[in-house]
Protein backbone atom coordinates (compact mmCIF):
# COMPACT_ATOMS: atom_id res chain seq x y z
CA UNK A 1 -62.01 10.23 141.13
CA UNK A 2 -63.58 13.41 140.68
CA UNK A 3 -66.25 14.32 138.17
CA UNK A 4 -65.12 13.69 134.53
CA UNK A 5 -66.50 17.08 133.60
CA UNK A 6 -64.28 18.78 136.18
CA UNK A 7 -61.25 16.98 135.03
CA UNK A 8 -62.05 17.80 131.36
CA UNK A 9 -62.68 21.49 132.13
CA UNK A 10 -59.07 21.74 134.05
CA UNK A 11 -57.37 20.01 131.29
CA UNK A 12 -58.89 22.18 128.58
CA UNK A 13 -57.91 25.33 130.57
CA UNK A 14 -54.39 24.05 130.75
CA UNK A 15 -54.51 23.35 126.96
CA UNK A 16 -55.48 26.82 126.21
CA UNK A 17 -52.26 28.30 127.63
CA UNK A 18 -50.41 29.62 124.80
CA UNK A 19 -46.79 29.63 126.33
CA UNK A 20 -45.49 25.86 125.98
CA UNK A 21 -43.24 26.28 128.96
CA UNK A 22 -46.02 27.42 131.20
CA UNK A 23 -48.40 24.75 129.81
CA UNK A 24 -45.87 21.96 130.47
CA UNK A 25 -45.32 23.21 134.02
CA UNK A 26 -49.13 23.27 134.61
CA UNK A 27 -49.50 19.76 133.13
CA UNK A 28 -46.78 18.34 135.41
CA UNK A 29 -48.21 20.13 138.47
CA UNK A 30 -51.73 18.67 137.49
CA UNK A 31 -50.38 15.08 137.16
CA UNK A 32 -48.56 15.34 140.44
CA UNK A 33 -51.77 16.66 142.24
CA UNK A 34 -54.09 13.99 140.57
CA UNK A 35 -52.01 10.95 139.84
CA UNK A 36 -55.11 8.63 140.07
CA UNK A 37 -56.67 10.60 137.19
CA UNK A 38 -53.85 10.62 134.74
CA UNK A 39 -54.87 7.28 133.13
CA UNK A 40 -58.51 8.66 132.75
CA UNK A 41 -57.34 11.90 131.22
CA UNK A 42 -55.08 10.21 128.64
CA UNK A 43 -57.85 7.91 127.75
CA UNK A 44 -60.16 10.92 127.23
CA UNK A 45 -57.73 12.67 125.03
CA UNK A 46 -56.64 9.60 123.01
CA UNK A 47 -60.27 8.93 122.14
CA UNK A 48 -60.70 12.59 120.85
CA UNK A 49 -58.42 11.93 117.92
CA UNK A 50 -61.56 11.81 115.61
CA UNK A 51 -62.92 15.21 117.05
CA UNK A 52 -59.68 17.09 116.30
CA UNK A 53 -58.12 15.73 113.30
CA UNK A 54 -54.34 16.18 112.91
CA UNK A 55 -53.05 18.29 109.80
CA UNK A 56 -52.03 16.12 106.96
CA UNK A 57 -48.32 15.27 106.79
CA UNK A 58 -46.53 16.78 104.00
C-alpha cells in the first residue's frame, strides 16, 4: 500500500470535483487502479464523520 497521505491527497482532489458524473468516473477509475487501497480509503472517510458533521435532517 502507498503512503496514506498520498491516498488521502488523491481522494481529496477527487472529492473537490464539482461535476458529480465526473467525480463518480474518477472514483471508479481510482478504485479500479488501487483495489487494495479501497478498504483503507473507506475506513479513513468513515472515521471522519466527526470532522465533517452532516446537516441536520428536517
